[in-house]
Amino acid sequence: MAVAVQVYTESGTKRAFAGAVEWPGWCRGGRREDDALASLLEYAPRYAGVVAGSVPGFKAPRSVSDLVVVEHLRGDATTDFGAPSVAPAADGRPIDARELKRLVAILGASWAAFDRSVDAAMGKELRKGPRGGGRELDGIVDHVIGAEGSYVAKLAAPRPKTEGRDPREAADEERGAVREALSRAVTHGLPEKGPRGGSIWLPRYFVRRAAWHVLDHAWEIEDRAGD
């Protein structure tokens, strides 16, 4: 039986992304919108493996025709650089306690998938890109922890101090800060501007962007470490 999935697209001049409205982290890119939608479908089984056992209800579609585009967004320079950058309208919906628990569970499942990919790649040499590019494993771990720590400011929370810490301890510190900041943002609301006048992200969009980033690198590690 076909499974219809609501998705949105974000298109810049050089890159496009497609993401599932209700499933943060399941978001893929391509040169054009059609490419992004095809990639989103291709990664559905991998995303199913991420949320299995943690977040019920995910059913992978079988065809691109099962992906129902409900919103087309205009991308920006960040989109063309290679990262989703614009929140869909659905991210402005209120979040109750049950939905907050679900969103945190999706983030937790994404973190767990990243940790598994790192553990499985230990001692392996990651394949380089066609031009010799690509971070080493330790570099990817540091990048993911650092980026997500910086995201916390988008919820008007202080960045956790993880510099010089063991990577596992740093990850635990950063993830705890994320959970606390999300809970506070949903419960007490957010100001118009973050620390030092920085921009603020909607809580749903925060989860969407953070889960995408974690899974993007988890799958990168899996692909580059595979035989």
N, C-alpha and C. Protein backbone atom coordinates (compact mmCIF):
# COMPACT_ATOMS: atom_id res chain seq x y z
N MET A 1 0.85 -1.19 0.00
CA MET A 1 0.00 0.00 0.00
C MET A 1 0.89 1.25 0.00
N ALA A 2 0.58 2.20 -0.88
CA ALA A 2 1.40 3.41 -0.98
C ALA A 2 1.30 4.24 0.29
N VAL A 3 2.42 4.86 0.64
CA VAL A 3 2.49 5.73 1.82
C VAL A 3 2.77 7.14 1.34
N ALA A 4 1.81 8.05 1.52
CA ALA A 4 2.00 9.44 1.12
C ALA A 4 2.74 10.19 2.23
N VAL A 5 3.81 10.89 1.85
CA VAL A 5 4.63 11.62 2.81
C VAL A 5 4.67 13.09 2.40
N GLN A 6 4.31 13.97 3.31
CA GLN A 6 4.38 15.39 3.02
C GLN A 6 5.83 15.86 3.12
N VAL A 7 6.28 16.54 2.07
CA VAL A 7 7.65 17.05 2.05
C VAL A 7 7.64 18.51 1.60
N TYR A 8 8.74 19.18 1.84
CA TYR A 8 8.93 20.53 1.33
C TYR A 8 10.23 20.54 0.55
N THR A 9 10.39 21.51 -0.32
CA THR A 9 11.64 21.66 -1.05
C THR A 9 12.19 23.06 -0.85
N GLU A 10 13.49 23.15 -0.95
CA GLU A 10 14.21 24.42 -0.80
C GLU A 10 15.21 24.51 -1.94
N SER A 11 15.04 25.47 -2.81
CA SER A 11 15.85 25.54 -4.02
C SER A 11 16.60 26.86 -4.12
N GLY A 12 17.93 26.74 -4.27
CA GLY A 12 18.77 27.89 -4.55
C GLY A 12 19.08 27.93 -6.03
N THR A 13 20.17 28.61 -6.39
CA THR A 13 20.55 28.67 -7.80
C THR A 13 21.44 27.50 -8.20
N LYS A 14 22.09 26.87 -7.22
CA LYS A 14 23.03 25.78 -7.52
C LYS A 14 22.65 24.46 -6.86
N ARG A 15 21.90 24.53 -5.76
CA ARG A 15 21.56 23.33 -4.99
C ARG A 15 20.09 23.38 -4.58
N ALA A 16 19.56 22.20 -4.28
CA ALA A 16 18.19 22.09 -3.77
C ALA A 16 18.16 21.02 -2.70
N PHE A 17 17.20 21.14 -1.80
CA PHE A 17 16.99 20.15 -0.74
C PHE A 17 15.52 19.76 -0.70
N ALA A 18 15.28 18.55 -0.25
CA ALA A 18 13.93 18.07 0.01
C ALA A 18 13.92 17.44 1.39
N GLY A 19 12.91 17.79 2.19
CA GLY A 19 12.84 17.28 3.55
C GLY A 19 11.43 16.86 3.90
N ALA A 20 11.31 15.86 4.77
CA ALA A 20 10.00 15.41 5.23
C ALA A 20 9.50 16.33 6.33
N VAL A 21 8.28 16.80 6.20
CA VAL A 21 7.74 17.76 7.15
C VAL A 21 7.73 17.20 8.57
N GLU A 22 7.27 15.97 8.73
CA GLU A 22 7.08 15.41 10.06
C GLU A 22 8.28 14.60 10.57
N TRP A 23 9.31 14.46 9.75
CA TRP A 23 10.44 13.61 10.13
C TRP A 23 11.77 14.36 10.00
N PRO A 24 12.09 15.19 10.99
CA PRO A 24 13.36 15.94 10.97
C PRO A 24 14.56 15.00 10.80
N GLY A 25 15.50 15.44 10.00
CA GLY A 25 16.69 14.64 9.74
C GLY A 25 16.63 13.90 8.43
N TRP A 26 15.42 13.57 7.99
CA TRP A 26 15.26 12.93 6.69
C TRP A 26 15.16 14.05 5.66
N CYS A 27 16.32 14.44 5.18
CA CYS A 27 16.46 15.59 4.28
C CYS A 27 17.68 15.35 3.41
N ARG A 28 17.52 15.45 2.11
CA ARG A 28 18.63 15.21 1.20
C ARG A 28 18.69 16.29 0.13
N GLY A 29 19.85 16.43 -0.45
CA GLY A 29 20.07 17.48 -1.44
C GLY A 29 20.39 16.93 -2.81
N GLY A 30 20.42 17.84 -3.77
CA GLY A 30 20.77 17.52 -5.15
C GLY A 30 20.94 18.80 -5.93
N ARG A 31 21.31 18.69 -7.17
CA ARG A 31 21.50 19.90 -7.97
C ARG A 31 20.18 20.60 -8.25
N ARG A 32 19.12 19.81 -8.43
CA ARG A 32 17.80 20.37 -8.70
C ARG A 32 16.78 19.72 -7.77
N GLU A 33 15.58 20.28 -7.76
CA GLU A 33 14.53 19.75 -6.88
C GLU A 33 14.26 18.28 -7.15
N ASP A 34 14.16 17.89 -8.41
CA ASP A 34 13.89 16.49 -8.73
C ASP A 34 14.99 15.58 -8.20
N ASP A 35 16.25 16.04 -8.28
CA ASP A 35 17.36 15.24 -7.76
C ASP A 35 17.25 15.07 -6.25
N ALA A 36 16.88 16.16 -5.57
CA ALA A 36 16.74 16.11 -4.12
C ALA A 36 15.62 15.16 -3.71
N LEU A 37 14.51 15.18 -4.42
CA LEU A 37 13.40 14.27 -4.11
C LEU A 37 13.81 12.82 -4.34
N ALA A 38 14.54 12.57 -5.41
CA ALA A 38 15.00 11.21 -5.69
C ALA A 38 15.95 10.72 -4.59
N SER A 39 16.83 11.61 -4.15
CA SER A 39 17.76 11.25 -3.07
C SER A 39 17.03 11.02 -1.76
N LEU A 40 16.01 11.83 -1.49
CA LEU A 40 15.21 11.64 -0.27
C LEU A 40 14.59 10.25 -0.26
N LEU A 41 14.02 9.84 -1.38
CA LEU A 41 13.44 8.50 -1.47
C LEU A 41 14.52 7.43 -1.27
N GLU A 42 15.68 7.63 -1.89
CA GLU A 42 16.75 6.65 -1.78
C GLU A 42 17.20 6.44 -0.33
N TYR A 43 17.17 7.51 0.46
CA TYR A 43 17.64 7.41 1.83
C TYR A 43 16.54 7.02 2.82
N ALA A 44 15.33 6.79 2.35
CA ALA A 44 14.24 6.42 3.26
C ALA A 44 14.56 5.17 4.08
N PRO A 45 15.09 4.09 3.48
CA PRO A 45 15.42 2.91 4.29
C PRO A 45 16.49 3.19 5.35
N ARG A 46 17.43 4.05 5.03
CA ARG A 46 18.47 4.37 6.01
C ARG A 46 17.88 5.16 7.18
N TYR A 47 16.97 6.08 6.85
CA TYR A 47 16.32 6.84 7.92
C TYR A 47 15.44 5.91 8.76
N ALA A 48 14.78 4.97 8.11
CA ALA A 48 13.96 4.00 8.84
C ALA A 48 14.81 3.25 9.85
N GLY A 49 16.04 2.92 9.48
CA GLY A 49 16.93 2.24 10.41
C GLY A 49 17.34 3.11 11.58
N VAL A 50 17.37 4.41 11.37
CA VAL A 50 17.73 5.34 12.44
C VAL A 50 16.64 5.40 13.50
N VAL A 51 15.40 5.57 13.08
CA VAL A 51 14.30 5.79 14.03
C VAL A 51 13.66 4.50 14.52
N ALA A 52 13.99 3.38 13.91
CA ALA A 52 13.39 2.11 14.31
C ALA A 52 13.65 1.83 15.78
N GLY A 53 12.60 1.49 16.51
CA GLY A 53 12.74 1.16 17.91
C GLY A 53 12.76 2.35 18.84
N SER A 54 12.87 3.56 18.29
CA SER A 54 12.92 4.77 19.10
C SER A 54 11.72 5.68 18.87
N VAL A 55 11.34 5.82 17.60
CA VAL A 55 10.25 6.74 17.23
C VAL A 55 9.29 5.98 16.31
N PRO A 56 8.13 5.59 16.82
CA PRO A 56 7.20 4.80 16.00
C PRO A 56 6.54 5.62 14.92
N GLY A 57 6.05 4.91 13.90
CA GLY A 57 5.21 5.56 12.90
C GLY A 57 5.84 5.80 11.55
N PHE A 58 7.17 5.62 11.42
CA PHE A 58 7.79 5.91 10.13
C PHE A 58 7.57 4.76 9.16
N LYS A 59 7.08 5.08 7.97
CA LYS A 59 6.91 4.11 6.91
C LYS A 59 7.54 4.67 5.65
N ALA A 60 8.47 3.94 5.10
CA ALA A 60 9.19 4.42 3.93
C ALA A 60 8.32 4.36 2.68
N PRO A 61 8.26 5.44 1.93
CA PRO A 61 7.52 5.42 0.65
C PRO A 61 8.27 4.56 -0.37
N ARG A 62 7.54 4.13 -1.38
CA ARG A 62 8.12 3.25 -2.40
C ARG A 62 8.48 3.98 -3.68
N SER A 63 7.90 5.16 -3.88
CA SER A 63 8.08 5.87 -5.14
C SER A 63 8.14 7.37 -4.88
N VAL A 64 8.79 8.09 -5.79
CA VAL A 64 8.83 9.54 -5.69
C VAL A 64 7.41 10.11 -5.74
N SER A 65 6.52 9.42 -6.41
CA SER A 65 5.13 9.90 -6.49
C SER A 65 4.45 9.87 -5.14
N ASP A 66 5.01 9.15 -4.17
CA ASP A 66 4.46 9.12 -2.81
C ASP A 66 4.93 10.32 -1.99
N LEU A 67 5.86 11.10 -2.52
CA LEU A 67 6.35 12.30 -1.84
C LEU A 67 5.50 13.49 -2.31
N VAL A 68 4.68 14.00 -1.43
CA VAL A 68 3.75 15.08 -1.77
C VAL A 68 4.35 16.41 -1.34
N VAL A 69 4.75 17.21 -2.31
CA VAL A 69 5.37 18.50 -2.01
C VAL A 69 4.30 19.50 -1.60
N VAL A 70 4.35 19.93 -0.34
CA VAL A 70 3.33 20.86 0.16
C VAL A 70 3.85 22.30 0.24
N GLU A 71 5.15 22.48 0.05
CA GLU A 71 5.70 23.84 0.10
C GLU A 71 7.02 23.90 -0.68
N HIS A 72 7.14 24.93 -1.50
CA HIS A 72 8.38 25.20 -2.24
C HIS A 72 9.01 26.45 -1.63
N LEU A 73 10.23 26.33 -1.14
CA LEU A 73 10.91 27.45 -0.51
C LEU A 73 12.05 27.95 -1.39
N ARG A 74 12.29 29.25 -1.34
CA ARG A 74 13.43 29.82 -2.06
C ARG A 74 14.66 29.74 -1.16
N GLY A 75 15.70 29.10 -1.65
CA GLY A 75 16.92 28.96 -0.87
C GLY A 75 17.76 30.22 -0.89
N ASP A 76 18.92 30.13 -0.24
CA ASP A 76 19.82 31.28 -0.16
C ASP A 76 21.26 30.82 -0.36
N ALA A 77 22.20 31.63 0.05
CA ALA A 77 23.62 31.29 -0.15
C ALA A 77 24.00 30.03 0.61
N THR A 78 23.40 29.82 1.78
CA THR A 78 23.69 28.61 2.55
C THR A 78 23.19 27.37 1.82
N THR A 79 22.04 27.48 1.19
CA THR A 79 21.50 26.38 0.39
C THR A 79 22.50 26.00 -0.70
N ASP A 80 22.99 27.02 -1.42
CA ASP A 80 23.94 26.76 -2.50
C ASP A 80 25.28 26.25 -1.97
N PHE A 81 25.62 26.60 -0.76
CA PHE A 81 26.86 26.12 -0.14
C PHE A 81 26.76 24.62 0.18
N GLY A 82 25.53 24.15 0.43
CA GLY A 82 25.35 22.72 0.68
C GLY A 82 24.67 22.35 1.98
N ALA A 83 23.90 23.28 2.55
CA ALA A 83 23.17 22.98 3.78
C ALA A 83 21.76 23.57 3.70
N PRO A 84 20.75 22.85 4.20
CA PRO A 84 19.41 23.43 4.24
C PRO A 84 19.41 24.65 5.14
N SER A 85 18.62 25.65 4.78
CA SER A 85 18.75 26.93 5.46
C SER A 85 17.44 27.63 5.79
N VAL A 86 16.32 27.14 5.25
CA VAL A 86 15.05 27.85 5.38
C VAL A 86 14.02 26.94 6.05
N ALA A 87 13.34 27.47 7.06
CA ALA A 87 12.33 26.68 7.78
C ALA A 87 11.02 26.62 7.02
N PRO A 88 10.45 25.44 6.88
CA PRO A 88 9.11 25.36 6.28
C PRO A 88 8.07 25.96 7.22
N ALA A 89 6.94 26.37 6.67
CA ALA A 89 5.89 27.00 7.47
C ALA A 89 5.41 26.09 8.61
N ALA A 90 5.42 24.78 8.37
CA ALA A 90 4.94 23.84 9.37
C ALA A 90 5.76 23.88 10.65
N ASP A 91 6.98 24.39 10.58
CA ASP A 91 7.82 24.45 11.78
C ASP A 91 7.36 25.52 12.75
N GLY A 92 6.41 26.35 12.33
CA GLY A 92 5.88 27.36 13.23
C GLY A 92 4.74 26.87 14.10
N ARG A 93 4.35 25.62 13.96
CA ARG A 93 3.26 25.09 14.78
C ARG A 93 3.67 24.97 16.24
N PRO A 94 2.70 25.10 17.16
CA PRO A 94 3.02 24.93 18.58
C PRO A 94 3.50 23.51 18.87
N ILE A 95 4.24 23.36 19.95
CA ILE A 95 4.77 22.07 20.36
C ILE A 95 4.27 21.76 21.77
N ASP A 96 3.53 20.67 21.92
CA ASP A 96 3.11 20.27 23.25
C ASP A 96 4.12 19.28 23.84
N ALA A 97 3.86 18.81 25.05
CA ALA A 97 4.81 17.95 25.74
C ALA A 97 5.05 16.65 24.98
N ARG A 98 4.00 16.10 24.41
CA ARG A 98 4.14 14.84 23.67
C ARG A 98 5.00 15.03 22.44
N GLU A 99 4.78 16.13 21.71
CA GLU A 99 5.57 16.38 20.50
C GLU A 99 7.01 16.71 20.85
N LEU A 100 7.24 17.43 21.94
CA LEU A 100 8.61 17.70 22.37
C LEU A 100 9.34 16.39 22.63
N LYS A 101 8.68 15.48 23.32
CA LYS A 101 9.29 14.17 23.59
C LYS A 101 9.65 13.45 22.31
N ARG A 102 8.77 13.55 21.31
CA ARG A 102 9.03 12.90 20.02
C ARG A 102 10.22 13.54 19.31
N LEU A 103 10.27 14.86 19.31
CA LEU A 103 11.36 15.55 18.64
C LEU A 103 12.70 15.24 19.30
N VAL A 104 12.72 15.20 20.62
CA VAL A 104 13.95 14.87 21.34
C VAL A 104 14.34 13.42 21.03
N ALA A 105 13.35 12.53 20.90
CA ALA A 105 13.65 11.14 20.57
C ALA A 105 14.27 11.02 19.18
N ILE A 106 13.81 11.83 18.22
CA ILE A 106 14.41 11.81 16.89
C ILE A 106 15.86 12.29 16.95
N LEU A 107 16.10 13.34 17.73
CA LEU A 107 17.48 13.80 17.89
C LEU A 107 18.33 12.72 18.54
N GLY A 108 17.78 12.08 19.58
CA GLY A 108 18.52 11.03 20.26
C GLY A 108 18.85 9.87 19.34
N ALA A 109 17.89 9.49 18.50
CA ALA A 109 18.13 8.41 17.54
C ALA A 109 19.19 8.81 16.52
N SER A 110 19.21 10.07 16.14
CA SER A 110 20.22 10.57 15.19
C SER A 110 21.60 10.55 15.84
N TRP A 111 21.68 10.97 17.10
CA TRP A 111 22.96 10.91 17.81
C TRP A 111 23.45 9.47 17.93
N ALA A 112 22.54 8.56 18.25
CA ALA A 112 22.92 7.15 18.39
C ALA A 112 23.43 6.59 17.07
N ALA A 113 22.79 6.97 15.96
CA ALA A 113 23.24 6.52 14.65
C ALA A 113 24.64 7.05 14.34
N PHE A 114 24.88 8.30 14.70
CA PHE A 114 26.21 8.87 14.49
C PHE A 114 27.25 8.13 15.31
N ASP A 115 26.94 7.87 16.57
CA ASP A 115 27.88 7.16 17.43
C ASP A 115 28.18 5.77 16.89
N ARG A 116 27.17 5.09 16.38
CA ARG A 116 27.39 3.75 15.81
C ARG A 116 28.30 3.82 14.59
N SER A 117 28.09 4.82 13.76
CA SER A 117 28.93 4.95 12.56
C SER A 117 30.38 5.23 12.93
N VAL A 118 30.57 6.06 13.97
CA VAL A 118 31.93 6.36 14.43
C VAL A 118 32.59 5.11 14.99
N ASP A 119 31.88 4.39 15.83
CA ASP A 119 32.44 3.17 16.43
C ASP A 119 32.80 2.14 15.36
N ALA A 120 31.94 1.99 14.36
CA ALA A 120 32.19 1.01 13.30
C ALA A 120 33.37 1.40 12.41
N ALA A 121 33.67 2.70 12.35
CA ALA A 121 34.76 3.18 11.48
C ALA A 121 36.10 3.27 12.20
N MET A 122 36.12 3.04 13.50
CA MET A 122 37.37 3.13 14.25
C MET A 122 38.42 2.17 13.65
N GLY A 123 39.61 2.70 13.43
CA GLY A 123 40.70 1.90 12.89
C GLY A 123 40.67 1.74 11.39
N LYS A 124 39.63 2.29 10.73
CA LYS A 124 39.55 2.21 9.27
C LYS A 124 39.99 3.53 8.64
N GLU A 125 40.52 3.45 7.46
CA GLU A 125 40.87 4.66 6.73
C GLU A 125 39.68 5.07 5.88
N LEU A 126 39.21 6.29 6.07
CA LEU A 126 38.07 6.77 5.30
C LEU A 126 38.51 7.11 3.88
N ARG A 127 37.72 6.67 2.92
CA ARG A 127 38.03 6.99 1.53
C ARG A 127 37.97 8.49 1.29
N LYS A 128 38.88 8.97 0.46
CA LYS A 128 38.89 10.38 0.10
C LYS A 128 37.94 10.64 -1.05
N GLY A 129 37.62 11.90 -1.24
CA GLY A 129 36.80 12.28 -2.37
C GLY A 129 37.60 12.23 -3.65
N PRO A 130 36.96 12.51 -4.79
CA PRO A 130 37.65 12.43 -6.08
C PRO A 130 38.84 13.36 -6.19
N ARG A 131 38.85 14.43 -5.41
CA ARG A 131 39.98 15.36 -5.42
C ARG A 131 40.80 15.26 -4.13
N GLY A 132 40.65 14.16 -3.42
CA GLY A 132 41.43 13.96 -2.20
C GLY A 132 40.88 14.64 -0.98
N GLY A 133 39.65 15.16 -1.06
CA GLY A 133 39.08 15.89 0.07
C GLY A 133 38.37 14.97 1.05
N GLY A 134 37.99 15.56 2.18
CA GLY A 134 37.27 14.81 3.21
C GLY A 134 38.01 14.79 4.52
N ARG A 135 37.29 15.08 5.61
CA ARG A 135 37.91 15.06 6.94
C ARG A 135 38.23 13.64 7.37
N GLU A 136 39.22 13.52 8.25
CA GLU A 136 39.46 12.25 8.92
C GLU A 136 38.37 12.05 9.97
N LEU A 137 38.28 10.84 10.54
CA LEU A 137 37.21 10.52 11.47
C LEU A 137 37.20 11.46 12.67
N ASP A 138 38.35 11.68 13.28
CA ASP A 138 38.40 12.58 14.44
C ASP A 138 37.94 13.98 14.06
N GLY A 139 38.27 14.41 12.86
CA GLY A 139 37.87 15.73 12.41
C GLY A 139 36.36 15.83 12.24
N ILE A 140 35.74 14.76 11.74
CA ILE A 140 34.28 14.77 11.58
C ILE A 140 33.61 14.85 12.95
N VAL A 141 34.12 14.06 13.90
CA VAL A 141 33.54 14.06 15.25
C VAL A 141 33.64 15.46 15.86
N ASP A 142 34.82 16.06 15.79
CA ASP A 142 35.00 17.41 16.34
C ASP A 142 34.09 18.41 15.66
N HIS A 143 33.96 18.29 14.35
CA HIS A 143 33.11 19.22 13.59
C HIS A 143 31.65 19.11 14.01
N VAL A 144 31.14 17.88 14.14
CA VAL A 144 29.74 17.68 14.50
C VAL A 144 29.46 18.21 15.91
N ILE A 145 30.34 17.90 16.85
CA ILE A 145 30.16 18.38 18.22
C ILE A 145 30.22 19.91 18.26
N GLY A 146 31.19 20.47 17.58
CA GLY A 146 31.35 21.92 17.58
C GLY A 146 30.18 22.64 16.92
N ALA A 147 29.72 22.11 15.79
CA ALA A 147 28.62 22.75 15.07
C ALA A 147 27.35 22.72 15.90
N GLU A 148 27.05 21.57 16.48
CA GLU A 148 25.81 21.48 17.25
C GLU A 148 25.89 22.34 18.51
N GLY A 149 27.09 22.44 19.09
CA GLY A 149 27.25 23.33 20.23
C GLY A 149 26.97 24.77 19.85
N SER A 150 27.37 25.16 18.66
CA SER A 150 27.12 26.53 18.21
C SER A 150 25.65 26.75 17.89
N TYR A 151 24.95 25.68 17.48
CA TYR A 151 23.53 25.80 17.18
C TYR A 151 22.72 26.22 18.41
N VAL A 152 23.20 25.85 19.60
CA VAL A 152 22.45 26.12 20.82
C VAL A 152 22.15 27.61 20.96
N ALA A 153 23.05 28.46 20.46
CA ALA A 153 22.81 29.91 20.52
C ALA A 153 21.55 30.29 19.75
N LYS A 154 21.15 29.46 18.78
CA LYS A 154 19.94 29.74 18.02
C LYS A 154 18.68 29.53 18.87
N LEU A 155 18.86 28.93 20.05
CA LEU A 155 17.76 28.80 21.01
C LEU A 155 17.98 29.73 22.20
N ALA A 156 18.81 30.74 21.98
CA ALA A 156 19.09 31.75 23.01
C ALA A 156 19.70 31.14 24.26
N ALA A 157 20.53 30.11 24.09
CA ALA A 157 21.19 29.46 25.22
C ALA A 157 22.70 29.58 25.06
N PRO A 158 23.46 29.54 26.16
CA PRO A 158 24.90 29.64 26.06
C PRO A 158 25.51 28.38 25.46
N ARG A 159 26.56 28.57 24.73
CA ARG A 159 27.25 27.44 24.11
C ARG A 159 27.96 26.62 25.18
N PRO A 160 27.80 25.29 25.16
CA PRO A 160 28.49 24.46 26.15
C PRO A 160 30.00 24.48 25.94
N LYS A 161 30.75 24.37 27.02
CA LYS A 161 32.20 24.40 26.94
C LYS A 161 32.73 22.98 26.76
N THR A 162 33.09 22.65 25.53
CA THR A 162 33.55 21.30 25.22
C THR A 162 35.00 21.25 24.75
N GLU A 163 35.63 22.41 24.63
CA GLU A 163 37.01 22.45 24.15
C GLU A 163 37.94 21.69 25.09
N GLY A 164 38.81 20.86 24.49
CA GLY A 164 39.79 20.13 25.28
C GLY A 164 39.24 18.92 26.00
N ARG A 165 37.96 18.61 25.82
CA ARG A 165 37.36 17.47 26.49
C ARG A 165 37.49 16.21 25.64
N ASP A 166 37.42 15.06 26.29
CA ASP A 166 37.33 13.80 25.57
C ASP A 166 36.10 13.86 24.66
N PRO A 167 36.19 13.37 23.42
CA PRO A 167 35.07 13.50 22.49
C PRO A 167 33.75 12.96 23.04
N ARG A 168 33.78 11.83 23.74
CA ARG A 168 32.55 11.28 24.28
C ARG A 168 31.98 12.19 25.37
N GLU A 169 32.85 12.69 26.23
CA GLU A 169 32.40 13.61 27.28
C GLU A 169 31.88 14.90 26.68
N ALA A 170 32.57 15.38 25.63
CA ALA A 170 32.14 16.61 24.97
C ALA A 170 30.77 16.43 24.32
N ALA A 171 30.58 15.27 23.70
CA ALA A 171 29.29 14.99 23.07
C ALA A 171 28.17 14.93 24.11
N ASP A 172 28.44 14.27 25.22
CA ASP A 172 27.43 14.19 26.29
C ASP A 172 27.08 15.58 26.82
N GLU A 173 28.09 16.42 27.00
CA GLU A 173 27.87 17.78 27.49
C GLU A 173 27.03 18.58 26.50
N GLU A 174 27.41 18.49 25.24
CA GLU A 174 26.70 19.25 24.20
C GLU A 174 25.26 18.78 24.06
N ARG A 175 25.05 17.46 24.08
CA ARG A 175 23.70 16.93 23.91
C ARG A 175 22.81 17.25 25.10
N GLY A 176 23.38 17.25 26.28
CA GLY A 176 22.62 17.67 27.44
C GLY A 176 22.19 19.12 27.35
N ALA A 177 23.09 19.96 26.84
CA ALA A 177 22.77 21.38 26.66
C ALA A 177 21.67 21.56 25.63
N VAL A 178 21.68 20.75 24.58
CA VAL A 178 20.65 20.83 23.55
C VAL A 178 19.29 20.45 24.13
N ARG A 179 19.23 19.36 24.87
CA ARG A 179 17.95 18.93 25.47
C ARG A 179 17.40 20.02 26.40
N GLU A 180 18.27 20.57 27.21
CA GLU A 180 17.84 21.61 28.15
C GLU A 180 17.35 22.85 27.41
N ALA A 181 18.09 23.26 26.39
CA ALA A 181 17.72 24.47 25.64
C ALA A 181 16.40 24.26 24.90
N LEU A 182 16.19 23.08 24.33
CA LEU A 182 14.95 22.79 23.63
C LEU A 182 13.76 22.83 24.59
N SER A 183 13.92 22.18 25.73
CA SER A 183 12.84 22.15 26.71
C SER A 183 12.48 23.55 27.17
N ARG A 184 13.50 24.36 27.43
CA ARG A 184 13.27 25.74 27.88
C ARG A 184 12.61 26.57 26.79
N ALA A 185 13.05 26.38 25.55
CA ALA A 185 12.48 27.14 24.44
C ALA A 185 11.01 26.83 24.24
N VAL A 186 10.64 25.56 24.38
CA VAL A 186 9.25 25.16 24.19
C VAL A 186 8.40 25.60 25.37
N THR A 187 8.94 25.47 26.57
CA THR A 187 8.17 25.77 27.78
C THR A 187 8.02 27.27 28.02
N HIS A 188 9.11 28.01 27.81
CA HIS A 188 9.11 29.43 28.17
C HIS A 188 9.13 30.37 26.96
N GLY A 189 9.28 29.83 25.77
CA GLY A 189 9.33 30.68 24.59
C GLY A 189 10.73 31.21 24.33
N LEU A 190 10.85 31.97 23.25
CA LEU A 190 12.15 32.47 22.81
C LEU A 190 12.09 33.98 22.57
N PRO A 191 13.19 34.67 22.77
CA PRO A 191 13.24 36.10 22.44
C PRO A 191 13.34 36.29 20.94
N GLU A 192 13.24 37.50 20.50
CA GLU A 192 13.35 37.77 19.06
C GLU A 192 14.78 37.63 18.57
N LYS A 193 15.73 37.90 19.44
CA LYS A 193 17.14 37.80 19.08
C LYS A 193 17.88 36.93 20.09
N GLY A 194 18.93 36.27 19.61
CA GLY A 194 19.73 35.44 20.49
C GLY A 194 20.85 36.22 21.13
N PRO A 195 21.82 35.51 21.78
CA PRO A 195 22.97 36.18 22.37
C PRO A 195 23.71 37.03 21.34
N ARG A 196 24.08 38.25 21.75
CA ARG A 196 24.81 39.18 20.88
C ARG A 196 24.01 39.53 19.62
N GLY A 197 22.68 39.46 19.71
CA GLY A 197 21.84 39.86 18.59
C GLY A 197 21.73 38.85 17.48
N GLY A 198 22.17 37.60 17.72
CA GLY A 198 22.11 36.58 16.68
C GLY A 198 20.69 36.14 16.37
N SER A 199 20.54 35.47 15.24
CA SER A 199 19.21 35.01 14.83
C SER A 199 18.74 33.85 15.69
N ILE A 200 17.43 33.68 15.76
CA ILE A 200 16.80 32.62 16.53
C ILE A 200 16.16 31.61 15.58
N TRP A 201 16.24 30.33 15.94
CA TRP A 201 15.58 29.28 15.17
C TRP A 201 14.34 28.80 15.90
N LEU A 202 13.29 28.51 15.17
CA LEU A 202 12.14 27.84 15.76
C LEU A 202 12.58 26.49 16.31
N PRO A 203 12.04 26.04 17.44
CA PRO A 203 12.46 24.76 18.01
C PRO A 203 12.35 23.59 17.03
N ARG A 204 11.25 23.54 16.26
CA ARG A 204 11.13 22.46 15.28
C ARG A 204 12.24 22.54 14.24
N TYR A 205 12.55 23.75 13.81
CA TYR A 205 13.61 23.89 12.81
C TYR A 205 14.97 23.55 13.41
N PHE A 206 15.17 23.90 14.67
CA PHE A 206 16.42 23.52 15.33
C PHE A 206 16.62 22.01 15.23
N VAL A 207 15.59 21.25 15.59
CA VAL A 207 15.69 19.78 15.53
C VAL A 207 15.92 19.33 14.10
N ARG A 208 15.22 19.96 13.17
CA ARG A 208 15.35 19.60 11.75
C ARG A 208 16.80 19.79 11.27
N ARG A 209 17.36 20.95 11.57
CA ARG A 209 18.71 21.25 11.09
C ARG A 209 19.75 20.40 11.82
N ALA A 210 19.61 20.26 13.15
CA ALA A 210 20.58 19.49 13.92
C ALA A 210 20.56 18.01 13.52
N ALA A 211 19.37 17.43 13.37
CA ALA A 211 19.27 16.02 13.00
C ALA A 211 19.82 15.80 11.59
N TRP A 212 19.52 16.73 10.67
CA TRP A 212 20.08 16.60 9.32
C TRP A 212 21.60 16.58 9.37
N HIS A 213 22.19 17.49 10.12
CA HIS A 213 23.64 17.60 10.15
C HIS A 213 24.29 16.35 10.73
N VAL A 214 23.72 15.85 11.82
CA VAL A 214 24.26 14.65 12.45
C VAL A 214 24.16 13.45 11.51
N LEU A 215 23.00 13.27 10.89
CA LEU A 215 22.81 12.11 10.01
C LEU A 215 23.60 12.24 8.71
N ASP A 216 23.72 13.45 8.20
CA ASP A 216 24.51 13.65 7.00
C ASP A 216 25.94 13.15 7.20
N HIS A 217 26.49 13.45 8.36
CA HIS A 217 27.86 13.00 8.64
C HIS A 217 27.92 11.53 9.07
N ALA A 218 26.87 11.04 9.73
CA ALA A 218 26.83 9.62 10.05
C ALA A 218 26.86 8.79 8.77
N TRP A 219 26.04 9.19 7.80
CA TRP A 219 25.99 8.45 6.53
C TRP A 219 27.25 8.68 5.71
N GLU A 220 27.86 9.84 5.83
CA GLU A 220 29.15 10.07 5.17
C GLU A 220 30.19 9.09 5.69
N ILE A 221 30.24 8.95 7.01
CA ILE A 221 31.20 8.02 7.60
C ILE A 221 30.94 6.60 7.13
N GLU A 222 29.67 6.18 7.15
CA GLU A 222 29.34 4.83 6.71
C GLU A 222 29.78 4.61 5.27
N ASP A 223 29.52 5.56 4.40
CA ASP A 223 29.87 5.41 2.99
C ASP A 223 31.37 5.41 2.77
N ARG A 224 32.07 6.26 3.48
CA ARG A 224 33.52 6.37 3.26
C ARG A 224 34.30 5.26 3.96
N ALA A 225 33.70 4.64 4.96
CA ALA A 225 34.38 3.56 5.68
C ALA A 225 34.03 2.19 5.12
N GLY A 226 32.99 2.13 4.27
CA GLY A 226 32.54 0.85 3.74
C GLY A 226 33.56 0.23 2.81
N ASP A 227 33.47 -1.10 2.71
CA ASP A 227 34.40 -1.82 1.83
C ASP A 227 34.01 -1.67 0.37
